[in-house]
PDB file of N, CA and C in Angstrom:
ATOM      1  N   MET A   1     -10.915 -11.887  17.425  1.00  0.00           N
ATOM      2  CA  MET A   1     -11.057 -11.244  16.129  1.00  0.00           C
ATOM      3  C   MET A   1     -12.503 -10.797  16.002  1.00  0.00           C
ATOM      4  N   ASN A   2     -12.674  -9.500  15.765  1.00  0.00           N
ATOM      5  CA  ASN A   2     -14.010  -8.933  15.612  1.00  0.00           C
ATOM      6  C   ASN A   2     -14.062  -8.220  14.268  1.00  0.00           C
ATOM      7  N   ILE A   3     -14.328  -8.969  13.220  1.00  0.00           N
ATOM      8  CA  ILE A   3     -14.359  -8.440  11.862  1.00  0.00           C
ATOM      9  C   ILE A   3     -15.787  -8.046  11.520  1.00  0.00           C
ATOM     10  N   LYS A   4     -15.920  -6.877  10.887  1.00  0.00           N
ATOM     11  CA  LYS A   4     -17.235  -6.447  10.420  1.00  0.00           C
ATOM     12  C   LYS A   4     -17.066  -5.789   9.054  1.00  0.00           C
ATOM     13  N   PRO A   5     -18.144  -5.704   8.293  1.00  0.00           N
ATOM     14  CA  PRO A   5     -18.053  -5.091   6.966  1.00  0.00           C
ATOM     15  C   PRO A   5     -17.619  -3.633   7.049  1.00  0.00           C
ATOM     16  N   ILE A   6     -16.990  -3.173   5.987  1.00  0.00           N
ATOM     17  CA  ILE A   6     -16.637  -1.755   5.868  1.00  0.00           C
ATOM     18  C   ILE A   6     -17.728  -1.120   5.028  1.00  0.00           C
ATOM     19  N   ARG A   7     -18.524  -0.268   5.661  1.00  0.00           N
ATOM     20  CA  ARG A   7     -19.681   0.325   4.980  1.00  0.00           C
ATOM     21  C   ARG A   7     -19.509   1.801   4.661  1.00  0.00           C
ATOM     22  N   ASN A   8     -18.539   2.453   5.311  1.00  0.00           N
ATOM     23  CA  ASN A   8     -18.354   3.891   5.093  1.00  0.00           C
ATOM     24  C   ASN A   8     -16.908   4.270   5.403  1.00  0.00           C
ATOM     25  N   ASP A   9     -16.592   5.544   5.226  1.00  0.00           N
ATOM     26  CA  ASP A   9     -15.217   5.992   5.427  1.00  0.00           C
ATOM     27  C   ASP A   9     -14.767   5.880   6.879  1.00  0.00           C
ATOM     28  N   ASP A  10     -15.687   6.030   7.825  1.00  0.00           N
ATOM     29  CA  ASP A  10     -15.325   5.844   9.237  1.00  0.00           C
ATOM     30  C   ASP A  10     -14.912   4.397   9.498  1.00  0.00           C
ATOM     31  N   ASP A  11     -15.671   3.458   8.933  1.00  0.00           N
ATOM     32  CA  ASP A  11     -15.309   2.042   9.058  1.00  0.00           C
ATOM     33  C   ASP A  11     -13.953   1.782   8.408  1.00  0.00           C
ATOM     34  N   LEU A  12     -13.715   2.441   7.279  1.00  0.00           N
ATOM     35  CA  LEU A  12     -12.444   2.276   6.581  1.00  0.00           C
ATOM     36  C   LEU A  12     -11.284   2.761   7.453  1.00  0.00           C
ATOM     37  N   ARG A  13     -11.446   3.932   8.054  1.00  0.00           N
ATOM     38  CA  ARG A  13     -10.396   4.458   8.937  1.00  0.00           C
ATOM     39  C   ARG A  13     -10.154   3.513  10.111  1.00  0.00           C
ATOM     40  N   ALA A  14     -11.211   2.980  10.674  1.00  0.00           N
ATOM     41  CA  ALA A  14     -11.075   2.042  11.793  1.00  0.00           C
ATOM     42  C   ALA A  14     -10.348   0.773  11.347  1.00  0.00           C
ATOM     43  N   ALA A  15     -10.656   0.312  10.149  1.00  0.00           N
ATOM     44  CA  ALA A  15      -9.986  -0.886   9.628  1.00  0.00           C
ATOM     45  C   ALA A  15      -8.495  -0.625   9.433  1.00  0.00           C
ATOM     46  N   PHE A  16      -8.145   0.553   8.917  1.00  0.00           N
ATOM     47  CA  PHE A  16      -6.733   0.891   8.755  1.00  0.00           C
ATOM     48  C   PHE A  16      -6.025   1.009  10.099  1.00  0.00           C
ATOM     49  N   LYS A  17      -6.725   1.566  11.067  1.00  0.00           N
ATOM     50  CA  LYS A  17      -6.138   1.700  12.410  1.00  0.00           C
ATOM     51  C   LYS A  17      -5.841   0.315  12.986  1.00  0.00           C
ATOM     52  N   ARG A  18      -6.787  -0.602  12.836  1.00  0.00           N
ATOM     53  CA  ARG A  18      -6.575  -1.970  13.318  1.00  0.00           C
ATOM     54  C   ARG A  18      -5.466  -2.645  12.526  1.00  0.00           C
ATOM     55  N   LEU A  19      -5.431  -2.413  11.220  1.00  0.00           N
ATOM     56  CA  LEU A  19      -4.409  -3.002  10.367  1.00  0.00           C
ATOM     57  C   LEU A  19      -3.013  -2.565  10.806  1.00  0.00           C
ATOM     58  N   GLU A  20      -2.873  -1.316  11.205  1.00  0.00           N
ATOM     59  CA  GLU A  20      -1.580  -0.826  11.688  1.00  0.00           C
ATOM     60  C   GLU A  20      -1.100  -1.630  12.890  1.00  0.00           C
ATOM     61  N   LEU A  21      -2.014  -2.028  13.768  1.00  0.00           N
ATOM     62  CA  LEU A  21      -1.648  -2.819  14.942  1.00  0.00           C
ATOM     63  C   LEU A  21      -1.217  -4.237  14.582  1.00  0.00           C
ATOM     64  N   LEU A  22      -1.740  -4.726  13.468  1.00  0.00           N
ATOM     65  CA  LEU A  22      -1.461  -6.105  13.049  1.00  0.00           C
ATOM     66  C   LEU A  22      -0.361  -6.198  12.002  1.00  0.00           C
ATOM     67  N   PHE A  23       0.187  -5.065  11.629  1.00  0.00           N
ATOM     68  CA  PHE A  23       1.074  -4.949  10.475  1.00  0.00           C
ATOM     69  C   PHE A  23       2.217  -5.968  10.464  1.00  0.00           C
ATOM     70  N   GLN A  24       2.851  -6.234  11.571  1.00  0.00           N
ATOM     71  CA  GLN A  24       4.000  -7.136  11.619  1.00  0.00           C
ATOM     72  C   GLN A  24       3.652  -8.501  12.218  1.00  0.00           C
ATOM     73  N   ALA A  25       2.403  -8.890  12.146  1.00  0.00           N
ATOM     74  CA  ALA A  25       1.981 -10.163  12.723  1.00  0.00           C
ATOM     75  C   ALA A  25       2.702 -11.327  12.042  1.00  0.00           C
ATOM     76  N   PRO A  26       3.225 -12.259  12.841  1.00  0.00           N
ATOM     77  CA  PRO A  26       3.902 -13.431  12.267  1.00  0.00           C
ATOM     78  C   PRO A  26       2.943 -14.289  11.451  1.00  0.00           C
ATOM     79  N   VAL A  27       3.425 -14.798  10.341  1.00  0.00           N
ATOM     80  CA  VAL A  27       2.632 -15.653   9.457  1.00  0.00           C
ATOM     81  C   VAL A  27       2.128 -16.864  10.241  1.00  0.00           C
ATOM     82  N   GLY A  28       0.882 -17.225   9.989  1.00  0.00           N
ATOM     83  CA  GLY A  28       0.306 -18.394  10.619  1.00  0.00           C
ATOM     84  C   GLY A  28      -0.370 -18.126  11.947  1.00  0.00           C
ATOM     85  N   THR A  29      -0.355 -16.888  12.390  1.00  0.00           N
ATOM     86  CA  THR A  29      -1.004 -16.543  13.659  1.00  0.00           C
ATOM     87  C   THR A  29      -2.413 -16.025  13.394  1.00  0.00           C
ATOM     88  N   PRO A  30      -3.269 -16.043  14.403  1.00  0.00           N
ATOM     89  CA  PRO A  30      -4.606 -15.464  14.231  1.00  0.00           C
ATOM     90  C   PRO A  30      -4.546 -13.986  13.835  1.00  0.00           C
ATOM     91  N   GLN A  31      -3.528 -13.270  14.330  1.00  0.00           N
ATOM     92  CA  GLN A  31      -3.377 -11.855  13.974  1.00  0.00           C
ATOM     93  C   GLN A  31      -3.058 -11.704  12.485  1.00  0.00           C
ATOM     94  N   ALA A  32      -2.235 -12.587  11.950  1.00  0.00           N
ATOM     95  CA  ALA A  32      -1.915 -12.546  10.514  1.00  0.00           C
ATOM     96  C   ALA A  32      -3.168 -12.860   9.691  1.00  0.00           C
ATOM     97  N   ASP A  33      -3.970 -13.805  10.167  1.00  0.00           N
ATOM     98  CA  ASP A  33      -5.227 -14.122   9.480  1.00  0.00           C
ATOM     99  C   ASP A  33      -6.148 -12.913   9.480  1.00  0.00           C
ATOM    100  N   GLU A  34      -6.244 -12.247  10.622  1.00  0.00           N
ATOM    101  CA  GLU A  34      -7.078 -11.051  10.720  1.00  0.00           C
ATOM    102  C   GLU A  34      -6.573  -9.964   9.775  1.00  0.00           C
ATOM    103  N   MET A  35      -5.239  -9.829   9.694  1.00  0.00           N
ATOM    104  CA  MET A  35      -4.655  -8.838   8.802  1.00  0.00           C
ATOM    105  C   MET A  35      -5.052  -9.128   7.347  1.00  0.00           C
ATOM    106  N   GLU A  36      -4.964 -10.387   6.935  1.00  0.00           N
ATOM    107  CA  GLU A  36      -5.347 -10.747   5.562  1.00  0.00           C
ATOM    108  C   GLU A  36      -6.808 -10.426   5.286  1.00  0.00           C
ATOM    109  N   ILE A  37      -7.663 -10.724   6.237  1.00  0.00           N
ATOM    110  CA  ILE A  37      -9.092 -10.443   6.075  1.00  0.00           C
ATOM    111  C   ILE A  37      -9.328  -8.943   5.959  1.00  0.00           C
ATOM    112  N   LEU A  38      -8.672  -8.168   6.819  1.00  0.00           N
ATOM    113  CA  LEU A  38      -8.827  -6.708   6.765  1.00  0.00           C
ATOM    114  C   LEU A  38      -8.351  -6.148   5.427  1.00  0.00           C
ATOM    115  N   VAL A  39      -7.222  -6.642   4.940  1.00  0.00           N
ATOM    116  CA  VAL A  39      -6.711  -6.174   3.648  1.00  0.00           C
ATOM    117  C   VAL A  39      -7.721  -6.465   2.546  1.00  0.00           C
ATOM    118  N   THR A  40      -8.309  -7.642   2.582  1.00  0.00           N
ATOM    119  CA  THR A  40      -9.312  -8.007   1.576  1.00  0.00           C
ATOM    120  C   THR A  40     -10.532  -7.094   1.664  1.00  0.00           C
ATOM    121  N   LEU A  41     -11.005  -6.845   2.887  1.00  0.00           N
ATOM    122  CA  LEU A  41     -12.159  -5.963   3.067  1.00  0.00           C
ATOM    123  C   LEU A  41     -11.848  -4.534   2.618  1.00  0.00           C
ATOM    124  N   ILE A  42     -10.661  -4.051   2.964  1.00  0.00           N
ATOM    125  CA  ILE A  42     -10.265  -2.695   2.579  1.00  0.00           C
ATOM    126  C   ILE A  42     -10.182  -2.574   1.064  1.00  0.00           C
ATOM    127  N   GLU A  43      -9.544  -3.552   0.424  1.00  0.00           N
ATOM    128  CA  GLU A  43      -9.431  -3.517  -1.031  1.00  0.00           C
ATOM    129  C   GLU A  43     -10.807  -3.562  -1.689  1.00  0.00           C
ATOM    130  N   ALA A  44     -11.701  -4.402  -1.172  1.00  0.00           N
ATOM    131  CA  ALA A  44     -13.050  -4.497  -1.745  1.00  0.00           C
ATOM    132  C   ALA A  44     -13.784  -3.166  -1.614  1.00  0.00           C
ATOM    133  N   TYR A  45     -13.692  -2.548  -0.445  1.00  0.00           N
ATOM    134  CA  TYR A  45     -14.347  -1.255  -0.234  1.00  0.00           C
ATOM    135  C   TYR A  45     -13.753  -0.201  -1.169  1.00  0.00           C
ATOM    136  N   GLU A  46     -12.427  -0.150  -1.235  1.00  0.00           N
ATOM    137  CA  GLU A  46     -11.774   0.844  -2.091  1.00  0.00           C
ATOM    138  C   GLU A  46     -12.122   0.626  -3.556  1.00  0.00           C
ATOM    139  N   ASN A  47     -12.132  -0.628  -3.991  1.00  0.00           N
ATOM    140  CA  ASN A  47     -12.470  -0.906  -5.391  1.00  0.00           C
ATOM    141  C   ASN A  47     -13.902  -0.506  -5.711  1.00  0.00           C
ATOM    142  N   LYS A  48     -14.797  -0.692  -4.761  1.00  0.00           N
ATOM    143  CA  LYS A  48     -16.196  -0.349  -4.980  1.00  0.00           C
ATOM    144  C   LYS A  48     -16.422   1.163  -4.965  1.00  0.00           C
ATOM    145  N   HIS A  49     -15.768   1.863  -4.044  1.00  0.00           N
ATOM    146  CA  HIS A  49     -16.049   3.273  -3.835  1.00  0.00           C
ATOM    147  C   HIS A  49     -15.051   4.233  -4.468  1.00  0.00           C
ATOM    148  N   PHE A  50     -13.867   3.757  -4.786  1.00  0.00           N
ATOM    149  CA  PHE A  50     -12.836   4.636  -5.334  1.00  0.00           C
ATOM    150  C   PHE A  50     -12.265   4.093  -6.632  1.00  0.00           C
ATOM    151  N   ASN A  51     -12.985   3.231  -7.304  1.00  0.00           N
ATOM    152  CA  ASN A  51     -12.446   2.589  -8.486  1.00  0.00           C
ATOM    153  C   ASN A  51     -12.404   3.549  -9.669  1.00  0.00           C
ATOM    154  N   THR A  52     -11.253   4.076  -9.934  1.00  0.00           N
ATOM    155  CA  THR A  52     -11.039   4.939 -11.096  1.00  0.00           C
ATOM    156  C   THR A  52     -10.015   4.297 -12.016  1.00  0.00           C
ATOM    157  N   GLY A  53      -9.946   2.965 -11.969  1.00  0.00           N
ATOM    158  CA  GLY A  53      -8.903   2.269 -12.692  1.00  0.00           C
ATOM    159  C   GLY A  53      -7.671   2.236 -11.802  1.00  0.00           C
ATOM    160  N   HIS A  54      -6.666   1.573 -12.268  1.00  0.00           N
ATOM    161  CA  HIS A  54      -5.447   1.488 -11.473  1.00  0.00           C
ATOM    162  C   HIS A  54      -4.627   2.755 -11.643  1.00  0.00           C
ATOM    163  N   ALA A  55      -4.240   3.322 -10.530  1.00  0.00           N
ATOM    164  CA  ALA A  55      -3.367   4.491 -10.561  1.00  0.00           C
ATOM    165  C   ALA A  55      -1.984   4.041 -10.997  1.00  0.00           C
ATOM    166  N   ASP A  56      -1.183   4.995 -11.447  1.00  0.00           N
ATOM    167  CA  ASP A  56       0.184   4.599 -11.725  1.00  0.00           C
ATOM    168  C   ASP A  56       0.886   4.357 -10.395  1.00  0.00           C
ATOM    169  N   ALA A  57       2.058   3.780 -10.448  1.00  0.00           N
ATOM    170  CA  ALA A  57       2.751   3.343  -9.240  1.00  0.00           C
ATOM    171  C   ALA A  57       2.973   4.482  -8.248  1.00  0.00           C
ATOM    172  N   ILE A  58       3.410   5.616  -8.711  1.00  0.00           N
ATOM    173  CA  ILE A  58       3.725   6.720  -7.808  1.00  0.00           C
ATOM    174  C   ILE A  58       2.456   7.250  -7.151  1.00  0.00           C
ATOM    175  N   GLU A  59       1.394   7.370  -7.910  1.00  0.00           N
ATOM    176  CA  GLU A  59       0.127   7.805  -7.326  1.00  0.00           C
ATOM    177  C   GLU A  59      -0.381   6.790  -6.311  1.00  0.00           C
ATOM    178  N   ALA A  60      -0.197   5.507  -6.594  1.00  0.00           N
ATOM    179  CA  ALA A  60      -0.616   4.465  -5.656  1.00  0.00           C
ATOM    180  C   ALA A  60       0.183   4.560  -4.353  1.00  0.00           C
ATOM    181  N   ILE A  61       1.480   4.788  -4.460  1.00  0.00           N
ATOM    182  CA  ILE A  61       2.327   4.926  -3.271  1.00  0.00           C
ATOM    183  C   ILE A  61       1.912   6.154  -2.477  1.00  0.00           C
ATOM    184  N   LYS A  62       1.717   7.277  -3.150  1.00  0.00           N
ATOM    185  CA  LYS A  62       1.327   8.507  -2.454  1.00  0.00           C
ATOM    186  C   LYS A  62      -0.041   8.359  -1.799  1.00  0.00           C
ATOM    187  N   PHE A  63      -0.939   7.662  -2.448  1.00  0.00           N
ATOM    188  CA  PHE A  63      -2.263   7.429  -1.881  1.00  0.00           C
ATOM    189  C   PHE A  63      -2.156   6.611  -0.592  1.00  0.00           C
ATOM    190  N   ARG A  64      -1.349   5.543  -0.638  1.00  0.00           N
ATOM    191  CA  ARG A  64      -1.172   4.709   0.552  1.00  0.00           C
ATOM    192  C   ARG A  64      -0.482   5.490   1.662  1.00  0.00           C
ATOM    193  N   MET A  65       0.475   6.346   1.298  1.00  0.00           N
ATOM    194  CA  MET A  65       1.144   7.187   2.294  1.00  0.00           C
ATOM    195  C   MET A  65       0.121   8.076   2.998  1.00  0.00           C
ATOM    196  N   GLU A  66      -0.755   8.670   2.216  1.00  0.00           N
ATOM    197  CA  GLU A  66      -1.783   9.550   2.781  1.00  0.00           C
ATOM    198  C   GLU A  66      -2.726   8.766   3.690  1.00  0.00           C
ATOM    199  N   GLN A  67      -3.140   7.583   3.236  1.00  0.00           N
ATOM    200  CA  GLN A  67      -4.057   6.762   4.023  1.00  0.00           C
ATOM    201  C   GLN A  67      -3.473   6.382   5.374  1.00  0.00           C
ATOM    202  N   GLN A  68      -2.179   6.067   5.369  1.00  0.00           N
ATOM    203  CA  GLN A  68      -1.563   5.552   6.587  1.00  0.00           C
ATOM    204  C   GLN A  68      -0.732   6.589   7.327  1.00  0.00           C
ATOM    205  N   GLY A  69      -0.750   7.824   6.844  1.00  0.00           N
ATOM    206  CA  GLY A  69       0.002   8.881   7.511  1.00  0.00           C
ATOM    207  C   GLY A  69       1.507   8.660   7.460  1.00  0.00           C
ATOM    208  N   LEU A  70       1.987   8.128   6.345  1.00  0.00           N
ATOM    209  CA  LEU A  70       3.414   7.829   6.196  1.00  0.00           C
ATOM    210  C   LEU A  70       4.167   9.016   5.618  1.00  0.00           C
ATOM    211  N   THR A  71       5.436   9.085   5.922  1.00  0.00           N
ATOM    212  CA  THR A  71       6.328  10.097   5.363  1.00  0.00           C
ATOM    213  C   THR A  71       7.295   9.399   4.415  1.00  0.00           C
ATOM    214  N   PRO A  72       8.010  10.164   3.589  1.00  0.00           N
ATOM    215  CA  PRO A  72       9.019   9.535   2.736  1.00  0.00           C
ATOM    216  C   PRO A  72      10.030   8.709   3.539  1.00  0.00           C
ATOM    217  N   LYS A  73      10.353   9.127   4.732  1.00  0.00           N
ATOM    218  CA  LYS A  73      11.279   8.378   5.598  1.00  0.00           C
ATOM    219  C   LYS A  73      10.759   6.963   5.848  1.00  0.00           C
ATOM    220  N   ASP A  74       9.430   6.835   5.993  1.00  0.00           N
ATOM    221  CA  ASP A  74       8.832   5.522   6.242  1.00  0.00           C
ATOM    222  C   ASP A  74       8.975   4.579   5.053  1.00  0.00           C
ATOM    223  N   LEU A  75       9.225   5.124   3.873  1.00  0.00           N
ATOM    224  CA  LEU A  75       9.349   4.300   2.665  1.00  0.00           C
ATOM    225  C   LEU A  75      10.752   3.736   2.468  1.00  0.00           C
ATOM    226  N   GLU A  76      11.708   4.206   3.241  1.00  0.00           N
ATOM    227  CA  GLU A  76      13.088   3.771   3.055  1.00  0.00           C
ATOM    228  C   GLU A  76      13.245   2.266   3.207  1.00  0.00           C
ATOM    229  N   ILE A  77      12.480   1.656   4.089  1.00  0.00           N
ATOM    230  CA  ILE A  77      12.558   0.208   4.285  1.00  0.00           C
ATOM    231  C   ILE A  77      12.143  -0.562   3.019  1.00  0.00           C
ATOM    232  N   TYR A  78      11.313   0.051   2.191  1.00  0.00           N
ATOM    233  CA  TYR A  78      10.818  -0.599   0.985  1.00  0.00           C
ATOM    234  C   TYR A  78      11.592  -0.200  -0.274  1.00  0.00           C
ATOM    235  N   ILE A  79      12.059   1.043  -0.313  1.00  0.00           N
ATOM    236  CA  ILE A  79      12.657   1.579  -1.536  1.00  0.00           C
ATOM    237  C   ILE A  79      14.166   1.744  -1.429  1.00  0.00           C
ATOM    238  N   GLY A  80      14.656   2.128  -0.282  1.00  0.00           N
ATOM    239  CA  GLY A  80      16.095   2.339  -0.106  1.00  0.00           C
ATOM    240  C   GLY A  80      16.356   3.679   0.554  1.00  0.00           C
ATOM    241  N   SER A  81      17.489   4.245   0.285  1.00  0.00           N
ATOM    242  CA  SER A  81      17.915   5.491   0.926  1.00  0.00           C
ATOM    243  C   SER A  81      16.927   6.626   0.693  1.00  0.00           C
ATOM    244  N   SER A  82      17.079   7.673   1.491  1.00  0.00           N
ATOM    245  CA  SER A  82      16.179   8.830   1.345  1.00  0.00           C
ATOM    246  C   SER A  82      16.305   9.445  -0.045  1.00  0.00           C
ATOM    247  N   GLY A  83      17.506   9.440  -0.589  1.00  0.00           N
ATOM    248  CA  GLY A  83      17.704   9.960  -1.944  1.00  0.00           C
ATOM    249  C   GLY A  83      16.953   9.145  -2.982  1.00  0.00           C
ATOM    250  N   ARG A  84      16.996   7.831  -2.822  1.00  0.00           N
ATOM    251  CA  ARG A  84      16.292   6.947  -3.757  1.00  0.00           C
ATOM    252  C   ARG A  84      14.781   7.134  -3.627  1.00  0.00           C
ATOM    253  N   VAL A  85      14.279   7.260  -2.396  1.00  0.00           N
ATOM    254  CA  VAL A  85      12.850   7.507  -2.183  1.00  0.00           C
ATOM    255  C   VAL A  85      12.451   8.796  -2.882  1.00  0.00           C
ATOM    256  N   SER A  86      13.248   9.834  -2.709  1.00  0.00           N
ATOM    257  CA  SER A  86      12.961  11.123  -3.334  1.00  0.00           C
ATOM    258  C   SER A  86      12.937  10.999  -4.852  1.00  0.00           C
ATOM    259  N   GLU A  87      13.894  10.281  -5.409  1.00  0.00           N
ATOM    260  CA  GLU A  87      13.947  10.100  -6.865  1.00  0.00           C
ATOM    261  C   GLU A  87      12.718   9.350  -7.369  1.00  0.00           C
ATOM    262  N   VAL A  88      12.306   8.329  -6.636  1.00  0.00           N
ATOM    263  CA  VAL A  88      11.124   7.552  -7.043  1.00  0.00           C
ATOM    264  C   VAL A  88       9.877   8.428  -6.985  1.00  0.00           C
ATOM    265  N   LEU A  89       9.681   9.132  -5.863  1.00  0.00           N
ATOM    266  CA  LEU A  89       8.473   9.937  -5.700  1.00  0.00           C
ATOM    267  C   LEU A  89       8.414  11.105  -6.672  1.00  0.00           C
ATOM    268  N   SER A  90       9.572  11.578  -7.126  1.00  0.00           N
ATOM    269  CA  SER A  90       9.592  12.674  -8.100  1.00  0.00           C
ATOM    270  C   SER A  90       9.689  12.155  -9.540  1.00  0.00           C
ATOM    271  N   ARG A  91       9.567  10.830  -9.692  1.00  0.00           N
ATOM    272  CA  ARG A  91       9.550  10.169 -11.001  1.00  0.00           C
ATOM    273  C   ARG A  91      10.877  10.271 -11.750  1.00  0.00           C
ATOM    274  N   LYS A  92      11.958  10.445 -11.025  1.00  0.00           N
ATOM    275  CA  LYS A  92      13.279  10.481 -11.657  1.00  0.00           C
ATOM    276  C   LYS A  92      13.908   9.090 -11.698  1.00  0.00           C
ATOM    277  N   ARG A  93      13.355   8.157 -10.942  1.00  0.00           N
ATOM    278  CA  ARG A  93      13.846   6.782 -10.912  1.00  0.00           C
ATOM    279  C   ARG A  93      12.636   5.853 -10.939  1.00  0.00           C
ATOM    280  N   ARG A  94      12.746   4.801 -11.744  1.00  0.00           N
ATOM    281  CA  ARG A  94      11.682   3.806 -11.801  1.00  0.00           C
ATOM    282  C   ARG A  94      11.812   2.823 -10.640  1.00  0.00           C
ATOM    283  N   LEU A  95      10.722   2.223 -10.279  1.00  0.00           N
ATOM    284  CA  LEU A  95      10.745   1.173  -9.263  1.00  0.00           C
ATOM    285  C   LEU A  95      11.395  -0.077  -9.832  1.00  0.00           C
ATOM    286  N   SER A  96      12.217  -0.722  -9.035  1.00  0.00           N
ATOM    287  CA  SER A  96      12.752  -2.026  -9.432  1.00  0.00           C
ATOM    288  C   SER A  96      11.721  -3.081  -9.015  1.00  0.00           C
ATOM    289  N   LEU A  97      11.871  -4.274  -9.544  1.00  0.00           N
ATOM    290  CA  LEU A  97      10.948  -5.340  -9.151  1.00  0.00           C
ATOM    291  C   LEU A  97      11.080  -5.661  -7.665  1.00  0.00           C
ATOM    292  N   LYS A  98      12.280  -5.522  -7.123  1.00  0.00           N
ATOM    293  CA  LYS A  98      12.495  -5.738  -5.690  1.00  0.00           C
ATOM    294  C   LYS A  98      11.714  -4.710  -4.867  1.00  0.00           C
ATOM    295  N   MET A  99      11.730  -3.452  -5.308  1.00  0.00           N
ATOM    296  CA  MET A  99      10.967  -2.400  -4.627  1.00  0.00           C
ATOM    297  C   MET A  99       9.478  -2.698  -4.714  1.00  0.00           C
ATOM    298  N   VAL A 100       9.024  -3.109  -5.888  1.00  0.00           N
ATOM    299  CA  VAL A 100       7.608  -3.427  -6.091  1.00  0.00           C
ATOM    300  C   VAL A 100       7.183  -4.523  -5.126  1.00  0.00           C
ATOM    301  N   ARG A 101       7.985  -5.560  -5.028  1.00  0.00           N
ATOM    302  CA  ARG A 101       7.676  -6.680  -4.146  1.00  0.00           C
ATOM    303  C   ARG A 101       7.600  -6.209  -2.684  1.00  0.00           C
ATOM    304  N   ARG A 102       8.558  -5.390  -2.274  1.00  0.00           N
ATOM    305  CA  ARG A 102       8.572  -4.905  -0.891  1.00  0.00           C
ATOM    306  C   ARG A 102       7.377  -3.996  -0.599  1.00  0.00           C
ATOM    307  N   LEU A 103       7.043  -3.115  -1.531  1.00  0.00           N
ATOM    308  CA  LEU A 103       5.904  -2.216  -1.342  1.00  0.00           C
ATOM    309  C   LEU A 103       4.593  -3.001  -1.273  1.00  0.00           C
ATOM    310  N   HIS A 104       4.491  -4.011  -2.126  1.00  0.00           N
ATOM    311  CA  HIS A 104       3.276  -4.842  -2.099  1.00  0.00           C
ATOM    312  C   HIS A 104       3.169  -5.603  -0.779  1.00  0.00           C
ATOM    313  N   ASP A 105       4.248  -6.267  -0.393  1.00  0.00           N
ATOM    314  CA  ASP A 105       4.219  -7.069   0.827  1.00  0.00           C
ATOM    315  C   ASP A 105       4.063  -6.210   2.073  1.00  0.00           C
ATOM    316  N   GLY A 106       4.758  -5.070   2.103  1.00  0.00           N
ATOM    317  CA  GLY A 106       4.762  -4.245   3.302  1.00  0.00           C
ATOM    318  C   GLY A 106       3.582  -3.309   3.438  1.00  0.00           C
ATOM    319  N   LEU A 107       3.163  -2.715   2.328  1.00  0.00           N
ATOM    320  CA  LEU A 107       2.086  -1.719   2.384  1.00  0.00           C
ATOM    321  C   LEU A 107       0.800  -2.200   1.733  1.00  0.00           C
ATOM    322  N   ARG A 108       0.841  -3.419   1.201  1.00  0.00           N
ATOM    323  CA  ARG A 108      -0.338  -4.007   0.557  1.00  0.00           C
ATOM    324  C   ARG A 108      -0.860  -3.162  -0.605  1.00  0.00           C
ATOM    325  N   ILE A 109       0.060  -2.554  -1.348  1.00  0.00           N
ATOM    326  CA  ILE A 109      -0.332  -1.849  -2.563  1.00  0.00           C
ATOM    327  C   ILE A 109      -0.458  -2.909  -3.652  1.00  0.00           C
ATOM    328  N   PRO A 110      -1.560  -2.955  -4.369  1.00  0.00           N
ATOM    329  CA  PRO A 110      -1.747  -3.994  -5.388  1.00  0.00           C
ATOM    330  C   PRO A 110      -0.636  -3.975  -6.439  1.00  0.00           C
ATOM    331  N   TYR A 111      -0.207  -5.174  -6.826  1.00  0.00           N
ATOM    332  CA  TYR A 111       0.803  -5.286  -7.875  1.00  0.00           C
ATOM    333  C   TYR A 111       0.366  -4.546  -9.136  1.00  0.00           C
ATOM    334  N   GLU A 112      -0.930  -4.623  -9.449  1.00  0.00           N
ATOM    335  CA  GLU A 112      -1.426  -3.993 -10.671  1.00  0.00           C
ATOM    336  C   GLU A 112      -1.103  -2.498 -10.686  1.00  0.00           C
ATOM    337  N   SER A 113      -1.232  -1.868  -9.538  1.00  0.00           N
ATOM    338  CA  SER A 113      -0.929  -0.442  -9.451  1.00  0.00           C
ATOM    339  C   SER A 113       0.572  -0.194  -9.492  1.00  0.00           C
ATOM    340  N   LEU A 114       1.324  -1.017  -8.777  1.00  0.00           N
ATOM    341  CA  LEU A 114       2.777  -0.813  -8.714  1.00  0.00           C
ATOM    342  C   LEU A 114       3.456  -1.078 -10.049  1.00  0.00           C
ATOM    343  N   LEU A 115       2.846  -1.899 -10.852  1.00  0.00           N
ATOM    344  CA  LEU A 115       3.453  -2.225 -12.139  1.00  0.00           C
ATOM    345  C   LEU A 115       2.983  -1.310 -13.263  1.00  0.00           C
ATOM    346  N   GLN A 116       2.092  -0.379 -12.950  1.00  0.00           N
ATOM    347  CA  GLN A 116       1.629   0.573 -13.954  1.00  0.00           C
ATOM    348  C   GLN A 116       2.725   1.603 -14.221  1.00  0.00           C
ATOM    349  N   ALA A 117       3.113   1.739 -15.420  1.00  0.00           N
ATOM    350  CA  ALA A 117       3.999   2.797 -15.917  1.00  0.00           C
ATOM    351  C   ALA A 117       5.394   2.820 -15.330  1.00  0.00           C
ATOM    352  N   SER A 118       5.558   2.895 -14.016  1.00  0.00           N
ATOM    353  CA  SER A 118       6.893   3.191 -13.486  1.00  0.00           C
ATOM    354  C   SER A 118       7.896   2.081 -13.704  1.00  0.00           C
ATOM    355  N   VAL A 119       7.483   0.843 -13.787  1.00  0.00           N
ATOM    356  CA  VAL A 119       8.436  -0.233 -14.033  1.00  0.00           C
ATOM    357  C   VAL A 119       8.571  -0.492 -15.525  1.00  0.00           C
ATOM    358  N   SER A 120       7.454  -0.423 -16.226  1.00  0.00           N
ATOM    359  CA  SER A 120       7.470  -0.828 -17.630  1.00  0.00           C
ATOM    360  C   SER A 120       7.777   0.291 -18.613  1.00  0.00           C
ATOM    361  N   GLN A 121       7.680   1.537 -18.188  1.00  0.00           N
ATOM    362  CA  GLN A 121       7.944   2.640 -19.088  1.00  0.00           C
ATOM    363  C   GLN A 121       9.041   3.527 -18.525  1.00  0.00           C
ATOM    364  N   PRO A 122       9.758   4.222 -19.376  1.00  0.00           N
ATOM    365  CA  PRO A 122      10.803   5.113 -18.886  1.00  0.00           C
ATOM    366  C   PRO A 122      10.239   6.200 -17.993  1.00  0.00           C
ATOM    367  N   ALA A 123      11.064   6.613 -17.046  1.00  0.00           N
ATOM    368  CA  ALA A 123      10.675   7.729 -16.172  1.00  0.00           C
ATOM    369  C   ALA A 123      10.604   9.005 -16.971  1.00  0.00           C
ATOM    370  N   ASN A 124       9.782   9.949 -16.507  1.00  0.00           N
ATOM    371  CA  ASN A 124       9.634  11.240 -17.200  1.00  0.00           C
ATOM    372  C   ASN A 124      10.888  12.048 -17.101  1.00  0.00           C
TER     373      ASN A 124
END
């Protein structure tokens, strides 16, 4: 494990690249520990440099998709069918608590962001 501070956007990209390799690390392994540390460092860097308050859930999901180069197809494991993903991303369907839990656990999107507006308020 070679952990170093995230000081700039290049470091951030490198941290995300490493995080992708550790994404499915079994709990209790050194790789899982490294993943937790990287997530903490990434969140700290993002909060310091991109803190504009918590985005609403859909903006948070789209932001994470952009960061990790994900497509709507990649979200099916967290949200459900392609139709359901489309409805969520277009704000026609609210996130369920099960979806929120999966998105948080799988993509490390903060609960605070996922619970903004889309779960607690009606869809537009």
